[in-house]
Amino acid sequence: MQKHNILGIGLLWFSAIVFIVYGLFGFFNPNIPADFGGLQMINGNGYAEIGAMYGGLQIGIGFFCLLSALRNDFYKAGLALLTKTIGVLL
């Protein structure tokens, strides 16, 4: 069993919590992320799109970060995911 950097594990745990909580907010109340982005949802398609993108996708990324923090074989893949998803935004 390989030991990993505590900073990397901590980053994965923190990211998992943030992504899952924000994803749950976005999934159950799509108005929250829509208001952050200045978007207006005028019909049901908008609610479904925002709920899926800012809810389902964020929850999925959060659970992958959680899996990466718990299992050594996903550790590098989890950090690579964070580097590519968050690094592109900066």
C-alpha atoms as a PDB file:
ATOM      1  CA  MET A   1       0.000   0.000   0.000  1.00  0.00           C
ATOM      2  CA  GLN A   2       1.484   3.288  -1.113  1.00  0.00           C
ATOM      3  CA  LYS A   3       1.357   6.369   1.099  1.00  0.00           C
ATOM      4  CA  HIS A   4       0.255   9.593  -0.558  1.00  0.00           C
ATOM      5  CA  ASN A   5       0.755  13.225   0.279  1.00  0.00           C
ATOM      6  CA  ILE A   6      -1.604  14.447   2.997  1.00  0.00           C
ATOM      7  CA  LEU A   7      -2.106  17.699   1.081  1.00  0.00           C
ATOM      8  CA  GLY A   8      -3.398  15.770  -1.939  1.00  0.00           C
ATOM      9  CA  ILE A   9      -5.755  13.682   0.192  1.00  0.00           C
ATOM     10  CA  GLY A  10      -6.986  16.808   1.972  1.00  0.00           C
ATOM     11  CA  LEU A  11      -7.551  18.565  -1.341  1.00  0.00           C
ATOM     12  CA  LEU A  12      -9.567  15.608  -2.627  1.00  0.00           C
ATOM     13  CA  TRP A  13     -11.712  15.508   0.539  1.00  0.00           C
ATOM     14  CA  PHE A  14     -12.300  19.275   0.449  1.00  0.00           C
ATOM     15  CA  SER A  15     -13.172  19.186  -3.254  1.00  0.00           C
ATOM     16  CA  ALA A  16     -15.511  16.235  -2.742  1.00  0.00           C
ATOM     17  CA  ILE A  17     -17.453  18.069  -0.031  1.00  0.00           C
ATOM     18  CA  VAL A  18     -17.664  21.330  -1.982  1.00  0.00           C
ATOM     19  CA  PHE A  19     -18.698  19.688  -5.272  1.00  0.00           C
ATOM     20  CA  ILE A  20     -21.294  17.404  -3.663  1.00  0.00           C
ATOM     21  CA  VAL A  21     -22.892  20.175  -1.563  1.00  0.00           C
ATOM     22  CA  TYR A  22     -22.998  22.631  -4.477  1.00  0.00           C
ATOM     23  CA  GLY A  23     -24.295  19.875  -6.764  1.00  0.00           C
ATOM     24  CA  LEU A  24     -27.123  19.042  -4.363  1.00  0.00           C
ATOM     25  CA  PHE A  25     -28.089  22.714  -4.210  1.00  0.00           C
ATOM     26  CA  GLY A  26     -27.972  22.924  -8.003  1.00  0.00           C
ATOM     27  CA  PHE A  27     -29.953  19.725  -8.477  1.00  0.00           C
ATOM     28  CA  PHE A  28     -32.759  20.443  -6.022  1.00  0.00           C
ATOM     29  CA  ASN A  29     -32.948  24.207  -6.630  1.00  0.00           C
ATOM     30  CA  PRO A  30     -31.629  25.150 -10.078  1.00  0.00           C
ATOM     31  CA  ASN A  31     -32.378  28.823  -9.395  1.00  0.00           C
ATOM     32  CA  ILE A  32     -29.283  29.095  -7.177  1.00  0.00           C
ATOM     33  CA  PRO A  33     -26.652  28.410  -9.873  1.00  0.00           C
ATOM     34  CA  ALA A  34     -28.753  30.232 -12.474  1.00  0.00           C
ATOM     35  CA  ASP A  35     -28.760  33.362 -10.315  1.00  0.00           C
ATOM     36  CA  PHE A  36     -24.971  33.128  -9.865  1.00  0.00           C
ATOM     37  CA  GLY A  37     -24.559  33.049 -13.637  1.00  0.00           C
ATOM     38  CA  GLY A  38     -27.193  35.703 -14.350  1.00  0.00           C
ATOM     39  CA  LEU A  39     -29.342  33.241 -16.307  1.00  0.00           C
ATOM     40  CA  GLN A  40     -33.116  33.214 -16.594  1.00  0.00           C
ATOM     41  CA  MET A  41     -35.030  29.974 -16.997  1.00  0.00           C
ATOM     42  CA  ILE A  42     -38.183  30.616 -18.959  1.00  0.00           C
ATOM     43  CA  ASN A  43     -39.449  27.046 -19.348  1.00  0.00           C
ATOM     44  CA  GLY A  44     -38.958  23.504 -18.102  1.00  0.00           C
ATOM     45  CA  ASN A  45     -36.049  22.876 -20.451  1.00  0.00           C
ATOM     46  CA  GLY A  46     -34.013  25.500 -18.638  1.00  0.00           C
ATOM     47  CA  TYR A  47     -34.677  23.899 -15.263  1.00  0.00           C
ATOM     48  CA  ALA A  48     -33.690  20.481 -16.590  1.00  0.00           C
ATOM     49  CA  GLU A  49     -30.516  21.798 -18.218  1.00  0.00           C
ATOM     50  CA  ILE A  50     -29.319  23.779 -15.201  1.00  0.00           C
ATOM     51  CA  GLY A  51     -30.269  20.957 -12.816  1.00  0.00           C
ATOM     52  CA  ALA A  52     -28.373  18.398 -14.869  1.00  0.00           C
ATOM     53  CA  MET A  53     -25.286  20.505 -15.518  1.00  0.00           C
ATOM     54  CA  TYR A  54     -24.870  22.264 -12.183  1.00  0.00           C
ATOM     55  CA  GLY A  55     -26.428  19.462 -10.186  1.00  0.00           C
ATOM     56  CA  GLY A  56     -25.670  16.089 -11.671  1.00  0.00           C
ATOM     57  CA  LEU A  57     -22.252  16.892 -13.109  1.00  0.00           C
ATOM     58  CA  GLN A  58     -21.043  18.552  -9.895  1.00  0.00           C
ATOM     59  CA  ILE A  59     -22.288  15.622  -7.795  1.00  0.00           C
ATOM     60  CA  GLY A  60     -20.514  13.182 -10.117  1.00  0.00           C
ATOM     61  CA  ILE A  61     -17.227  15.073  -9.882  1.00  0.00           C
ATOM     62  CA  GLY A  62     -17.612  15.231  -6.105  1.00  0.00           C
ATOM     63  CA  PHE A  63     -18.173  11.502  -5.782  1.00  0.00           C
ATOM     64  CA  PHE A  64     -15.155  10.809  -7.994  1.00  0.00           C
ATOM     65  CA  CYS A  65     -13.042  13.025  -5.733  1.00  0.00           C
ATOM     66  CA  LEU A  66     -14.397  11.125  -2.732  1.00  0.00           C
ATOM     67  CA  LEU A  67     -13.547   7.800  -4.359  1.00  0.00           C
ATOM     68  CA  SER A  68     -10.078   9.123  -5.193  1.00  0.00           C
ATOM     69  CA  ALA A  69      -9.500  10.179  -1.587  1.00  0.00           C
ATOM     70  CA  LEU A  70     -10.526   6.760  -0.274  1.00  0.00           C
ATOM     71  CA  ARG A  71      -8.828   4.446  -2.796  1.00  0.00           C
ATOM     72  CA  ASN A  72      -5.125   4.571  -3.586  1.00  0.00           C
ATOM     73  CA  ASP A  73      -5.558   3.376  -7.163  1.00  0.00           C
ATOM     74  CA  PHE A  74      -7.708   6.440  -8.027  1.00  0.00           C
ATOM     75  CA  TYR A  75      -5.538   9.004  -6.215  1.00  0.00           C
ATOM     76  CA  LYS A  76      -3.601  10.267  -9.252  1.00  0.00           C
ATOM     77  CA  ALA A  77      -6.685  10.247 -11.477  1.00  0.00           C
ATOM     78  CA  GLY A  78      -8.576  12.361  -8.940  1.00  0.00           C
ATOM     79  CA  LEU A  79      -5.818  14.937  -8.739  1.00  0.00           C
ATOM     80  CA  ALA A  80      -5.568  14.971 -12.534  1.00  0.00           C
ATOM     81  CA  LEU A  81      -9.323  15.603 -12.757  1.00  0.00           C
ATOM     82  CA  LEU A  82      -9.061  18.530 -10.368  1.00  0.00           C
ATOM     83  CA  THR A  83      -6.059  19.919 -12.224  1.00  0.00           C
ATOM     84  CA  LYS A  84      -7.833  19.780 -15.566  1.00  0.00           C
ATOM     85  CA  THR A  85     -11.295  20.976 -14.430  1.00  0.00           C
ATOM     86  CA  ILE A  86     -10.286  23.710 -12.025  1.00  0.00           C
ATOM     87  CA  GLY A  87      -7.016  24.585 -13.750  1.00  0.00           C
ATOM     88  CA  VAL A  88      -8.825  25.421 -16.975  1.00  0.00           C
ATOM     89  CA  LEU A  89     -11.002  27.948 -15.145  1.00  0.00           C
ATOM     90  CA  LEU A  90      -8.036  29.898 -13.782  1.00  0.00           C
END
